[in-house]
Each structure stands twice: as C-alpha cells, then as structure tokens.
C-alpha cells in the first residue's frame, strides 16, 4: 500500500489483510472506504485528529484513552495505517471463540494498564475514574472507590489487578458479545 490513501488497495493486499484479520474482501473494502473518509489529508494514515472525527468516539468519556490505545499500542509513531486499522478493528468482530474473547479482554485491559506492566494500579484506575466522572465526585470518594475496587478484585493481596484477576472478574459477562461490532459483508 502506498503512502497516499487515495491509491486503491491491490488484490494481494486485500488477501493479506483478510488472512490477518478474518475480514472478507468486501468488509476490507468497506473498512478502507471508512479509513479514507477519516483520512481527510490523504496522508495514508490516521492521526489523533482524524480519529476524533468519529462521532461515537468523540462523545465517549474515554475518548482520549481509547485513541491513545489505538495510536500508541496498535499504530506506530503516532500514526495508524490501514493495515493496523483493520487489525485493531478485527478485535471487535463477532466470533465465539476463546481467542476472540482474549483479544477483547487484552484491548480492554490495555485501556487501564498504560504503563504496560500487566497490572492495573490505583493510579491507573483513578485515571479512568476521573475520565468517567470528571469533577462530579470528590477526590476522596474517587480514592475510596479505587481502593475498594482493587481490594475486591485483587486475589493475591499485592494491591494491583493482574490481567488474570481482571479476566476472572469479567468471566460472568459475555465480553465477546458486549465488545463486538457488526461488520457488513
């Protein structure tokens, strides 16, 4: 794929992306159209500003964190090219298998675990709480919520939430269903 997003995808690229993501060629073409719509500058990649153009994302209180995860964890140098875009969105395909659920849980865990130490500490949890409630709850109450959450989820007493503890907490929720999007064929 060239650096200019106006260049059409080649059949070989479509097949490679289909193998990597599980998307059909038609779904890849639809995603590519969405990608080029967001890429207003025809740069061949999406920046933070481009992602802010997604209305559903823009109104989400976790917008900044989600964009940070998309760009920093799945892109490169502050940019998300189409192949990376397709790969990250393949995480949200409706599939009923353990790999799909695990990928969704890893993405969700990554929203909290920004220092990438595979643990959610009190500071990271507070960061999410502040994004969700802003100044509607006093600092002391947010601290109490974060401490109580960690105490309840932390099975081994190390005052952090590991990926395994996180998954254990969410095992009663159909994460695959809740974190899936329907991609038209």
N, C-alpha and C. Protein backbone atom coordinates (compact mmCIF):
# COMPACT_ATOMS: atom_id res chain seq x y z
N UNK A 1 0.85 -1.18 0.00
CA UNK A 1 0.00 0.00 0.00
C UNK A 1 0.89 1.23 0.00
N UNK A 2 0.60 2.16 -0.82
CA UNK A 2 1.40 3.38 -0.92
C UNK A 2 1.11 4.32 0.21
N UNK A 3 1.81 5.43 0.23
CA UNK A 3 1.62 6.40 1.29
C UNK A 3 0.38 7.27 1.08
N UNK A 4 -0.17 7.26 -0.12
CA UNK A 4 -1.34 8.07 -0.40
C UNK A 4 -2.58 7.20 -0.29
N UNK A 5 -3.51 7.59 0.58
CA UNK A 5 -4.68 6.76 0.83
C UNK A 5 -5.64 6.74 -0.34
N UNK A 6 -5.46 7.61 -1.32
CA UNK A 6 -6.35 7.59 -2.47
C UNK A 6 -6.01 6.44 -3.42
N UNK A 7 -4.86 5.82 -3.23
CA UNK A 7 -4.49 4.68 -4.04
C UNK A 7 -5.35 3.50 -3.61
N UNK A 8 -5.93 2.83 -4.57
CA UNK A 8 -6.80 1.70 -4.27
C UNK A 8 -6.00 0.52 -3.73
N UNK A 9 -6.64 -0.26 -2.90
CA UNK A 9 -6.00 -1.47 -2.39
C UNK A 9 -5.81 -2.47 -3.53
N UNK A 10 -4.70 -3.12 -3.53
CA UNK A 10 -4.42 -4.16 -4.51
C UNK A 10 -4.98 -5.49 -3.99
N UNK A 11 -5.31 -6.39 -4.90
CA UNK A 11 -5.89 -7.68 -4.53
C UNK A 11 -4.99 -8.43 -3.55
N UNK A 12 -3.69 -8.38 -3.77
CA UNK A 12 -2.72 -9.06 -2.90
C UNK A 12 -2.79 -8.50 -1.46
N UNK A 13 -2.90 -7.16 -1.37
CA UNK A 13 -3.01 -6.53 -0.05
C UNK A 13 -4.31 -6.93 0.64
N UNK A 14 -5.38 -6.98 -0.12
CA UNK A 14 -6.68 -7.38 0.43
C UNK A 14 -6.59 -8.80 0.97
N UNK A 15 -5.97 -9.70 0.20
CA UNK A 15 -5.83 -11.09 0.64
C UNK A 15 -4.98 -11.21 1.89
N UNK A 16 -3.90 -10.44 1.95
CA UNK A 16 -3.04 -10.46 3.14
C UNK A 16 -3.80 -9.98 4.37
N UNK A 17 -4.52 -8.88 4.23
CA UNK A 17 -5.29 -8.33 5.35
C UNK A 17 -6.41 -9.29 5.74
N UNK A 18 -7.03 -9.93 4.75
CA UNK A 18 -8.09 -10.91 5.04
C UNK A 18 -7.53 -12.06 5.87
N UNK A 19 -6.34 -12.54 5.52
CA UNK A 19 -5.71 -13.62 6.28
C UNK A 19 -5.36 -13.20 7.70
N UNK A 20 -4.93 -11.96 7.85
CA UNK A 20 -4.54 -11.46 9.18
C UNK A 20 -5.73 -11.15 10.08
N UNK A 21 -6.85 -10.78 9.47
CA UNK A 21 -7.96 -10.25 10.27
C UNK A 21 -9.21 -11.12 10.30
N UNK A 22 -9.38 -11.96 9.29
CA UNK A 22 -10.61 -12.73 9.19
C UNK A 22 -11.73 -11.98 8.48
N UNK A 23 -11.48 -10.75 8.07
CA UNK A 23 -12.47 -9.99 7.31
C UNK A 23 -12.55 -10.53 5.88
N UNK A 24 -13.73 -10.45 5.30
CA UNK A 24 -13.90 -10.80 3.90
C UNK A 24 -13.35 -9.65 3.04
N UNK A 25 -13.04 -9.93 1.78
CA UNK A 25 -12.58 -8.84 0.90
C UNK A 25 -13.57 -7.67 0.85
N UNK A 26 -14.85 -7.95 0.82
CA UNK A 26 -15.85 -6.87 0.81
C UNK A 26 -15.81 -6.06 2.10
N UNK A 27 -15.65 -6.72 3.23
CA UNK A 27 -15.55 -6.00 4.50
C UNK A 27 -14.30 -5.13 4.53
N UNK A 28 -13.21 -5.64 3.98
CA UNK A 28 -11.97 -4.87 3.93
C UNK A 28 -12.16 -3.62 3.06
N UNK A 29 -12.83 -3.76 1.95
CA UNK A 29 -13.09 -2.60 1.08
C UNK A 29 -13.95 -1.57 1.79
N UNK A 30 -14.94 -2.03 2.54
CA UNK A 30 -15.80 -1.10 3.30
C UNK A 30 -14.98 -0.39 4.39
N UNK A 31 -14.14 -1.15 5.09
CA UNK A 31 -13.27 -0.54 6.10
C UNK A 31 -12.32 0.47 5.46
N UNK A 32 -11.81 0.13 4.30
CA UNK A 32 -10.90 1.04 3.61
C UNK A 32 -11.61 2.33 3.23
N UNK A 33 -12.85 2.22 2.79
CA UNK A 33 -13.63 3.42 2.49
C UNK A 33 -13.81 4.28 3.73
N UNK A 34 -14.09 3.66 4.86
CA UNK A 34 -14.23 4.39 6.12
C UNK A 34 -12.90 5.05 6.50
N UNK A 35 -11.83 4.28 6.35
CA UNK A 35 -10.49 4.79 6.65
C UNK A 35 -10.17 6.03 5.81
N UNK A 36 -10.43 5.96 4.50
CA UNK A 36 -10.11 7.10 3.63
C UNK A 36 -11.02 8.29 3.91
N UNK A 37 -12.24 8.04 4.37
CA UNK A 37 -13.13 9.13 4.76
C UNK A 37 -12.56 9.87 5.98
N UNK A 38 -12.00 9.12 6.92
CA UNK A 38 -11.41 9.73 8.11
C UNK A 38 -10.08 10.42 7.80
N UNK A 39 -9.36 9.90 6.81
CA UNK A 39 -8.06 10.45 6.42
C UNK A 39 -8.27 11.65 5.48
N UNK A 40 -8.72 12.75 6.05
CA UNK A 40 -9.07 13.95 5.27
C UNK A 40 -7.88 14.53 4.50
N UNK A 41 -6.67 14.34 5.02
CA UNK A 41 -5.48 14.89 4.37
C UNK A 41 -4.87 13.95 3.34
N UNK A 42 -5.49 12.80 3.13
CA UNK A 42 -4.94 11.78 2.22
C UNK A 42 -3.49 11.44 2.55
N UNK A 43 -3.21 11.33 3.84
CA UNK A 43 -1.85 11.06 4.29
C UNK A 43 -1.51 9.57 4.25
N UNK A 44 -2.52 8.72 4.18
CA UNK A 44 -2.26 7.28 4.18
C UNK A 44 -2.23 6.70 5.58
N UNK A 45 -2.52 7.52 6.55
CA UNK A 45 -2.58 7.07 7.94
C UNK A 45 -3.57 7.96 8.68
N UNK A 46 -3.97 7.49 9.85
CA UNK A 46 -4.85 8.29 10.71
C UNK A 46 -4.05 8.80 11.89
N UNK A 47 -4.28 10.04 12.20
CA UNK A 47 -3.67 10.67 13.37
C UNK A 47 -4.73 10.77 14.46
N UNK A 48 -4.32 11.27 15.59
CA UNK A 48 -5.26 11.52 16.69
C UNK A 48 -6.42 12.40 16.22
N UNK A 49 -6.11 13.45 15.48
CA UNK A 49 -7.14 14.37 15.00
C UNK A 49 -8.14 13.67 14.09
N UNK A 50 -7.64 12.78 13.25
CA UNK A 50 -8.52 12.03 12.35
C UNK A 50 -9.48 11.16 13.16
N UNK A 51 -8.97 10.50 14.18
CA UNK A 51 -9.82 9.62 15.00
C UNK A 51 -10.86 10.40 15.79
N UNK A 52 -10.55 11.64 16.11
CA UNK A 52 -11.52 12.48 16.82
C UNK A 52 -12.73 12.80 15.95
N UNK A 53 -12.62 12.57 14.63
CA UNK A 53 -13.75 12.81 13.73
C UNK A 53 -14.82 11.73 13.82
N UNK A 54 -14.54 10.65 14.53
CA UNK A 54 -15.53 9.58 14.69
C UNK A 54 -16.51 10.04 15.77
N UNK A 55 -17.75 10.37 15.37
CA UNK A 55 -18.70 10.96 16.32
C UNK A 55 -18.93 10.10 17.57
N UNK A 56 -19.04 8.79 17.40
CA UNK A 56 -19.30 7.91 18.54
C UNK A 56 -18.12 7.89 19.50
N UNK A 57 -16.95 8.07 18.98
CA UNK A 57 -15.75 8.10 19.82
C UNK A 57 -15.61 9.46 20.49
N UNK A 58 -15.90 10.50 19.75
CA UNK A 58 -15.74 11.86 20.25
C UNK A 58 -16.58 12.13 21.50
N UNK A 59 -17.75 11.52 21.59
CA UNK A 59 -18.63 11.76 22.75
C UNK A 59 -18.37 10.79 23.90
N UNK A 60 -17.49 9.84 23.71
CA UNK A 60 -17.18 8.86 24.76
C UNK A 60 -16.27 9.52 25.80
N UNK A 61 -16.59 9.38 27.10
CA UNK A 61 -15.72 9.99 28.12
C UNK A 61 -14.29 9.41 28.12
N UNK A 62 -14.13 8.23 27.56
CA UNK A 62 -12.81 7.61 27.48
C UNK A 62 -12.14 7.85 26.13
N UNK A 63 -12.65 8.80 25.37
CA UNK A 63 -12.16 9.08 24.02
C UNK A 63 -10.64 9.21 23.97
N UNK A 64 -10.07 10.05 24.81
CA UNK A 64 -8.62 10.26 24.77
C UNK A 64 -7.86 8.98 25.04
N UNK A 65 -8.33 8.19 26.00
CA UNK A 65 -7.65 6.94 26.33
C UNK A 65 -7.78 5.92 25.21
N UNK A 66 -8.95 5.83 24.61
CA UNK A 66 -9.15 4.88 23.51
C UNK A 66 -8.25 5.25 22.34
N UNK A 67 -8.17 6.54 22.01
CA UNK A 67 -7.30 6.98 20.92
C UNK A 67 -5.84 6.69 21.27
N UNK A 68 -5.47 6.91 22.52
CA UNK A 68 -4.11 6.61 22.96
C UNK A 68 -3.80 5.13 22.75
N UNK A 69 -4.73 4.26 23.10
CA UNK A 69 -4.53 2.82 22.91
C UNK A 69 -4.43 2.50 21.42
N UNK A 70 -5.31 3.05 20.61
CA UNK A 70 -5.28 2.79 19.17
C UNK A 70 -3.96 3.22 18.55
N UNK A 71 -3.57 4.45 18.83
CA UNK A 71 -2.36 5.02 18.20
C UNK A 71 -1.08 4.43 18.80
N UNK A 72 -0.99 4.42 20.13
CA UNK A 72 0.26 4.00 20.78
C UNK A 72 0.46 2.49 20.78
N UNK A 73 -0.62 1.74 20.97
CA UNK A 73 -0.48 0.29 21.10
C UNK A 73 -0.61 -0.44 19.77
N UNK A 74 -1.33 0.13 18.83
CA UNK A 74 -1.58 -0.57 17.57
C UNK A 74 -1.01 0.15 16.36
N UNK A 75 -0.61 1.39 16.52
CA UNK A 75 -0.02 2.15 15.43
C UNK A 75 1.48 2.26 15.62
N UNK A 76 2.05 3.23 14.91
CA UNK A 76 3.50 3.46 15.02
C UNK A 76 3.76 4.94 14.80
N UNK A 77 4.59 5.52 15.64
CA UNK A 77 4.98 6.93 15.52
C UNK A 77 3.79 7.88 15.49
N UNK A 78 2.77 7.57 16.31
CA UNK A 78 1.60 8.45 16.39
C UNK A 78 0.66 8.35 15.21
N UNK A 79 0.81 7.29 14.43
CA UNK A 79 0.01 7.12 13.21
C UNK A 79 -0.54 5.70 13.16
N UNK A 80 -1.70 5.57 12.52
CA UNK A 80 -2.33 4.27 12.35
C UNK A 80 -2.60 4.09 10.85
N UNK A 81 -1.85 3.18 10.20
CA UNK A 81 -2.08 2.96 8.77
C UNK A 81 -3.27 2.02 8.58
N UNK A 82 -3.65 1.79 7.33
CA UNK A 82 -4.86 1.00 7.10
C UNK A 82 -4.72 -0.43 7.61
N UNK A 83 -3.60 -1.04 7.38
CA UNK A 83 -3.40 -2.43 7.84
C UNK A 83 -3.55 -2.51 9.36
N UNK A 84 -2.95 -1.56 10.08
CA UNK A 84 -3.08 -1.51 11.54
C UNK A 84 -4.53 -1.25 11.95
N UNK A 85 -5.18 -0.36 11.23
CA UNK A 85 -6.58 -0.03 11.45
C UNK A 85 -7.45 -1.29 11.33
N UNK A 86 -7.25 -2.03 10.25
CA UNK A 86 -8.02 -3.26 10.03
C UNK A 86 -7.74 -4.30 11.11
N UNK A 87 -6.47 -4.43 11.49
CA UNK A 87 -6.11 -5.41 12.53
C UNK A 87 -6.78 -5.08 13.86
N UNK A 88 -6.74 -3.81 14.26
CA UNK A 88 -7.32 -3.45 15.55
C UNK A 88 -8.84 -3.61 15.51
N UNK A 89 -9.47 -3.28 14.40
CA UNK A 89 -10.91 -3.43 14.32
C UNK A 89 -11.33 -4.89 14.21
N UNK A 90 -10.43 -5.74 13.75
CA UNK A 90 -10.76 -7.17 13.71
C UNK A 90 -10.94 -7.73 15.13
N UNK A 91 -10.37 -7.05 16.11
CA UNK A 91 -10.56 -7.44 17.51
C UNK A 91 -12.04 -7.45 17.87
N UNK A 92 -12.81 -6.60 17.23
CA UNK A 92 -14.22 -6.42 17.59
C UNK A 92 -15.18 -7.18 16.68
N UNK A 93 -14.65 -8.12 15.90
CA UNK A 93 -15.52 -8.98 15.09
C UNK A 93 -16.30 -9.91 16.01
N UNK A 94 -17.49 -10.27 15.60
CA UNK A 94 -18.31 -11.22 16.35
C UNK A 94 -17.81 -12.63 16.05
N UNK A 95 -17.16 -13.21 17.03
CA UNK A 95 -16.68 -14.57 16.91
C UNK A 95 -16.85 -15.22 18.28
N UNK A 96 -17.32 -16.40 18.29
CA UNK A 96 -17.50 -17.10 19.56
C UNK A 96 -16.35 -18.09 19.74
N UNK A 97 -15.18 -17.58 20.08
CA UNK A 97 -14.06 -18.47 20.40
C UNK A 97 -13.19 -17.81 21.46
N UNK A 98 -12.37 -18.61 22.09
CA UNK A 98 -11.54 -18.11 23.20
C UNK A 98 -10.55 -17.05 22.75
N UNK A 99 -10.01 -17.17 21.55
CA UNK A 99 -9.05 -16.20 21.04
C UNK A 99 -9.69 -14.82 20.89
N UNK A 100 -10.90 -14.79 20.37
CA UNK A 100 -11.62 -13.53 20.18
C UNK A 100 -11.88 -12.86 21.53
N UNK A 101 -12.36 -13.64 22.48
CA UNK A 101 -12.63 -13.10 23.81
C UNK A 101 -11.35 -12.60 24.46
N UNK A 102 -10.28 -13.36 24.35
CA UNK A 102 -9.00 -12.98 24.94
C UNK A 102 -8.48 -11.68 24.33
N UNK A 103 -8.60 -11.52 23.02
CA UNK A 103 -8.15 -10.29 22.36
C UNK A 103 -8.96 -9.08 22.83
N UNK A 104 -10.25 -9.26 23.01
CA UNK A 104 -11.09 -8.17 23.50
C UNK A 104 -10.70 -7.80 24.93
N UNK A 105 -10.46 -8.82 25.76
CA UNK A 105 -10.06 -8.56 27.14
C UNK A 105 -8.70 -7.85 27.19
N UNK A 106 -7.78 -8.24 26.32
CA UNK A 106 -6.46 -7.58 26.28
C UNK A 106 -6.61 -6.11 25.88
N UNK A 107 -7.47 -5.85 24.90
CA UNK A 107 -7.70 -4.46 24.48
C UNK A 107 -8.28 -3.66 25.65
N UNK A 108 -9.29 -4.21 26.29
CA UNK A 108 -9.94 -3.53 27.41
C UNK A 108 -8.96 -3.32 28.57
N UNK A 109 -8.17 -4.32 28.89
CA UNK A 109 -7.17 -4.22 29.94
C UNK A 109 -6.16 -3.12 29.61
N UNK A 110 -5.80 -3.02 28.32
CA UNK A 110 -4.84 -2.00 27.88
C UNK A 110 -5.35 -0.58 28.08
N UNK A 111 -6.65 -0.40 28.12
CA UNK A 111 -7.21 0.93 28.38
C UNK A 111 -6.85 1.38 29.80
N UNK A 112 -6.78 0.43 30.71
CA UNK A 112 -6.40 0.74 32.10
C UNK A 112 -4.89 0.73 32.29
N UNK A 113 -4.21 -0.29 31.79
CA UNK A 113 -2.79 -0.52 32.05
C UNK A 113 -1.92 0.27 31.09
N UNK A 114 -1.73 1.54 31.34
CA UNK A 114 -0.98 2.38 30.41
C UNK A 114 0.53 2.30 30.59
N UNK A 115 1.01 1.83 31.74
CA UNK A 115 2.46 1.68 31.85
C UNK A 115 2.91 0.30 31.35
N UNK A 116 1.95 -0.49 30.90
CA UNK A 116 2.18 -1.78 30.25
C UNK A 116 3.00 -2.75 31.11
N UNK A 117 2.71 -2.74 32.41
CA UNK A 117 3.38 -3.69 33.30
C UNK A 117 2.50 -4.90 33.61
N UNK A 118 1.41 -5.03 32.86
CA UNK A 118 0.44 -6.13 33.03
C UNK A 118 -0.25 -6.12 34.38
N UNK A 119 -0.38 -4.93 34.95
CA UNK A 119 -1.09 -4.74 36.21
C UNK A 119 -1.80 -3.40 36.16
N UNK A 120 -2.95 -3.36 36.81
CA UNK A 120 -3.66 -2.08 36.96
C UNK A 120 -3.44 -1.63 38.39
N UNK A 121 -2.78 -0.49 38.55
CA UNK A 121 -2.54 0.02 39.90
C UNK A 121 -3.58 1.09 40.24
N UNK A 122 -3.53 1.57 41.44
CA UNK A 122 -4.51 2.56 41.90
C UNK A 122 -4.49 3.82 41.03
N UNK A 123 -3.32 4.29 40.67
CA UNK A 123 -3.21 5.49 39.84
C UNK A 123 -3.88 5.32 38.48
N UNK A 124 -3.68 4.16 37.87
CA UNK A 124 -4.29 3.89 36.57
C UNK A 124 -5.81 3.81 36.70
N UNK A 125 -6.28 3.19 37.75
CA UNK A 125 -7.71 3.09 37.99
C UNK A 125 -8.31 4.47 38.25
N UNK A 126 -7.61 5.29 39.02
CA UNK A 126 -8.07 6.66 39.27
C UNK A 126 -8.13 7.47 37.97
N UNK A 127 -7.18 7.26 37.09
CA UNK A 127 -7.19 7.96 35.81
C UNK A 127 -8.47 7.69 35.03
N UNK A 128 -8.88 6.43 35.00
CA UNK A 128 -10.13 6.06 34.31
C UNK A 128 -11.33 6.66 35.03
N UNK A 129 -11.34 6.57 36.35
CA UNK A 129 -12.46 7.14 37.11
C UNK A 129 -12.62 8.63 36.84
N UNK A 130 -11.51 9.34 36.81
CA UNK A 130 -11.56 10.79 36.55
C UNK A 130 -12.12 11.08 35.16
N UNK A 131 -11.75 10.25 34.19
CA UNK A 131 -12.29 10.43 32.84
C UNK A 131 -13.79 10.18 32.81
N UNK A 132 -14.23 9.21 33.58
CA UNK A 132 -15.65 8.84 33.57
C UNK A 132 -16.54 9.82 34.31
N UNK A 133 -16.05 10.30 35.46
CA UNK A 133 -16.92 11.15 36.29
C UNK A 133 -16.46 12.59 36.40
N UNK A 134 -15.27 12.88 35.90
CA UNK A 134 -14.76 14.26 35.95
C UNK A 134 -14.74 14.80 37.36
N UNK A 135 -15.28 15.98 37.54
CA UNK A 135 -15.27 16.60 38.87
C UNK A 135 -16.60 16.40 39.59
N UNK A 136 -17.40 15.44 39.11
CA UNK A 136 -18.71 15.19 39.75
C UNK A 136 -18.60 14.45 41.07
N UNK A 137 -17.47 13.84 41.32
CA UNK A 137 -17.25 13.12 42.59
C UNK A 137 -15.99 13.68 43.23
N UNK A 138 -16.04 13.95 44.54
CA UNK A 138 -14.85 14.47 45.23
C UNK A 138 -13.67 13.49 45.16
N UNK A 139 -12.48 14.03 45.18
CA UNK A 139 -11.24 13.26 45.10
C UNK A 139 -11.19 12.13 46.14
N UNK A 140 -11.60 12.44 47.38
CA UNK A 140 -11.56 11.43 48.45
C UNK A 140 -12.46 10.24 48.11
N UNK A 141 -13.62 10.54 47.53
CA UNK A 141 -14.55 9.47 47.18
C UNK A 141 -14.00 8.63 46.03
N UNK A 142 -13.35 9.27 45.06
CA UNK A 142 -12.73 8.52 43.96
C UNK A 142 -11.62 7.62 44.49
N UNK A 143 -10.82 8.15 45.43
CA UNK A 143 -9.77 7.32 46.05
C UNK A 143 -10.38 6.11 46.73
N UNK A 144 -11.46 6.33 47.45
CA UNK A 144 -12.13 5.23 48.16
C UNK A 144 -12.66 4.19 47.17
N UNK A 145 -13.23 4.65 46.07
CA UNK A 145 -13.75 3.72 45.04
C UNK A 145 -12.60 2.91 44.45
N UNK A 146 -11.50 3.57 44.13
CA UNK A 146 -10.34 2.87 43.55
C UNK A 146 -9.78 1.85 44.53
N UNK A 147 -9.62 2.26 45.79
CA UNK A 147 -9.09 1.33 46.80
C UNK A 147 -10.01 0.13 47.00
N UNK A 148 -11.32 0.39 47.08
CA UNK A 148 -12.27 -0.70 47.27
C UNK A 148 -12.27 -1.64 46.06
N UNK A 149 -12.20 -1.09 44.86
CA UNK A 149 -12.18 -1.91 43.65
C UNK A 149 -10.96 -2.82 43.65
N UNK A 150 -9.81 -2.25 43.95
CA UNK A 150 -8.59 -3.06 43.98
C UNK A 150 -8.67 -4.12 45.07
N UNK A 151 -9.16 -3.77 46.23
CA UNK A 151 -9.29 -4.74 47.33
C UNK A 151 -10.20 -5.89 46.93
N UNK A 152 -11.30 -5.58 46.25
CA UNK A 152 -12.26 -6.62 45.86
C UNK A 152 -11.74 -7.52 44.74
N UNK A 153 -10.97 -6.96 43.80
CA UNK A 153 -10.52 -7.74 42.66
C UNK A 153 -9.16 -8.40 42.85
N UNK A 154 -8.36 -7.86 43.74
CA UNK A 154 -7.00 -8.34 43.97
C UNK A 154 -7.05 -9.63 44.79
N UNK A 155 -6.78 -10.74 44.13
CA UNK A 155 -6.87 -12.04 44.80
C UNK A 155 -5.63 -12.39 45.62
N UNK A 156 -4.47 -11.84 45.28
CA UNK A 156 -3.25 -12.24 45.97
C UNK A 156 -2.69 -11.19 46.92
N UNK A 157 -3.40 -10.09 47.11
CA UNK A 157 -3.00 -9.10 48.10
C UNK A 157 -1.84 -8.20 47.72
N UNK A 158 -1.50 -8.11 46.42
CA UNK A 158 -0.37 -7.26 46.02
C UNK A 158 -0.79 -5.83 45.66
N UNK A 159 -2.05 -5.49 45.90
CA UNK A 159 -2.62 -4.16 45.71
C UNK A 159 -2.63 -3.68 44.26
N UNK A 160 -2.63 -4.62 43.32
CA UNK A 160 -2.81 -4.33 41.91
C UNK A 160 -3.75 -5.39 41.32
N UNK A 161 -4.29 -5.09 40.16
CA UNK A 161 -5.16 -6.04 39.46
C UNK A 161 -4.38 -6.58 38.27
N UNK A 162 -4.10 -7.87 38.30
CA UNK A 162 -3.40 -8.50 37.19
C UNK A 162 -4.38 -8.80 36.06
N UNK A 163 -3.85 -9.15 34.91
CA UNK A 163 -4.71 -9.50 33.78
C UNK A 163 -5.60 -10.69 34.14
N UNK A 164 -5.04 -11.66 34.84
CA UNK A 164 -5.80 -12.84 35.23
C UNK A 164 -6.93 -12.46 36.19
N UNK A 165 -6.66 -11.59 37.15
CA UNK A 165 -7.69 -11.13 38.09
C UNK A 165 -8.77 -10.33 37.36
N UNK A 166 -8.34 -9.53 36.41
CA UNK A 166 -9.25 -8.75 35.58
C UNK A 166 -10.19 -9.67 34.82
N UNK A 167 -9.62 -10.70 34.18
CA UNK A 167 -10.42 -11.66 33.40
C UNK A 167 -11.38 -12.44 34.30
N UNK A 168 -10.92 -12.82 35.47
CA UNK A 168 -11.76 -13.55 36.42
C UNK A 168 -12.99 -12.73 36.78
N UNK A 169 -12.80 -11.45 36.97
CA UNK A 169 -13.91 -10.56 37.32
C UNK A 169 -14.93 -10.47 36.19
N UNK A 170 -14.44 -10.51 34.96
CA UNK A 170 -15.33 -10.33 33.81
C UNK A 170 -15.85 -11.64 33.23
N UNK A 171 -15.54 -12.77 33.86
CA UNK A 171 -15.93 -14.05 33.26
C UNK A 171 -17.44 -14.25 33.22
N UNK A 172 -18.19 -13.58 34.07
CA UNK A 172 -19.64 -13.71 34.08
C UNK A 172 -20.31 -12.84 33.00
N UNK A 173 -19.53 -11.95 32.41
CA UNK A 173 -20.05 -11.05 31.37
C UNK A 173 -19.69 -11.63 30.01
N UNK A 174 -20.61 -11.57 29.07
CA UNK A 174 -20.32 -12.02 27.72
C UNK A 174 -19.53 -10.93 27.00
N UNK A 175 -18.24 -10.89 27.29
CA UNK A 175 -17.36 -9.85 26.75
C UNK A 175 -17.34 -9.90 25.23
N UNK A 176 -17.39 -11.10 24.68
CA UNK A 176 -17.35 -11.21 23.23
C UNK A 176 -18.55 -10.52 22.60
N UNK A 177 -19.71 -10.66 23.21
CA UNK A 177 -20.92 -10.01 22.70
C UNK A 177 -20.89 -8.50 22.97
N UNK A 178 -20.53 -8.10 24.17
CA UNK A 178 -20.55 -6.69 24.56
C UNK A 178 -19.53 -5.85 23.80
N UNK A 179 -18.43 -6.46 23.38
CA UNK A 179 -17.36 -5.72 22.71
C UNK A 179 -17.27 -6.08 21.23
N UNK A 180 -18.39 -6.45 20.63
CA UNK A 180 -18.38 -6.81 19.22
C UNK A 180 -19.16 -5.78 18.42
N UNK A 181 -18.75 -5.64 17.17
CA UNK A 181 -19.47 -4.78 16.23
C UNK A 181 -19.86 -5.65 15.05
N UNK A 182 -20.95 -5.28 14.44
CA UNK A 182 -21.36 -5.98 13.25
C UNK A 182 -20.71 -5.30 12.05
N UNK A 183 -19.98 -6.08 11.29
CA UNK A 183 -19.34 -5.57 10.08
C UNK A 183 -20.13 -6.08 8.90
N UNK A 184 -20.65 -5.18 8.09
CA UNK A 184 -21.45 -5.57 6.94
C UNK A 184 -20.59 -6.30 5.92
N UNK A 185 -21.20 -7.24 5.25
CA UNK A 185 -20.45 -8.02 4.25
C UNK A 185 -20.64 -7.47 2.86
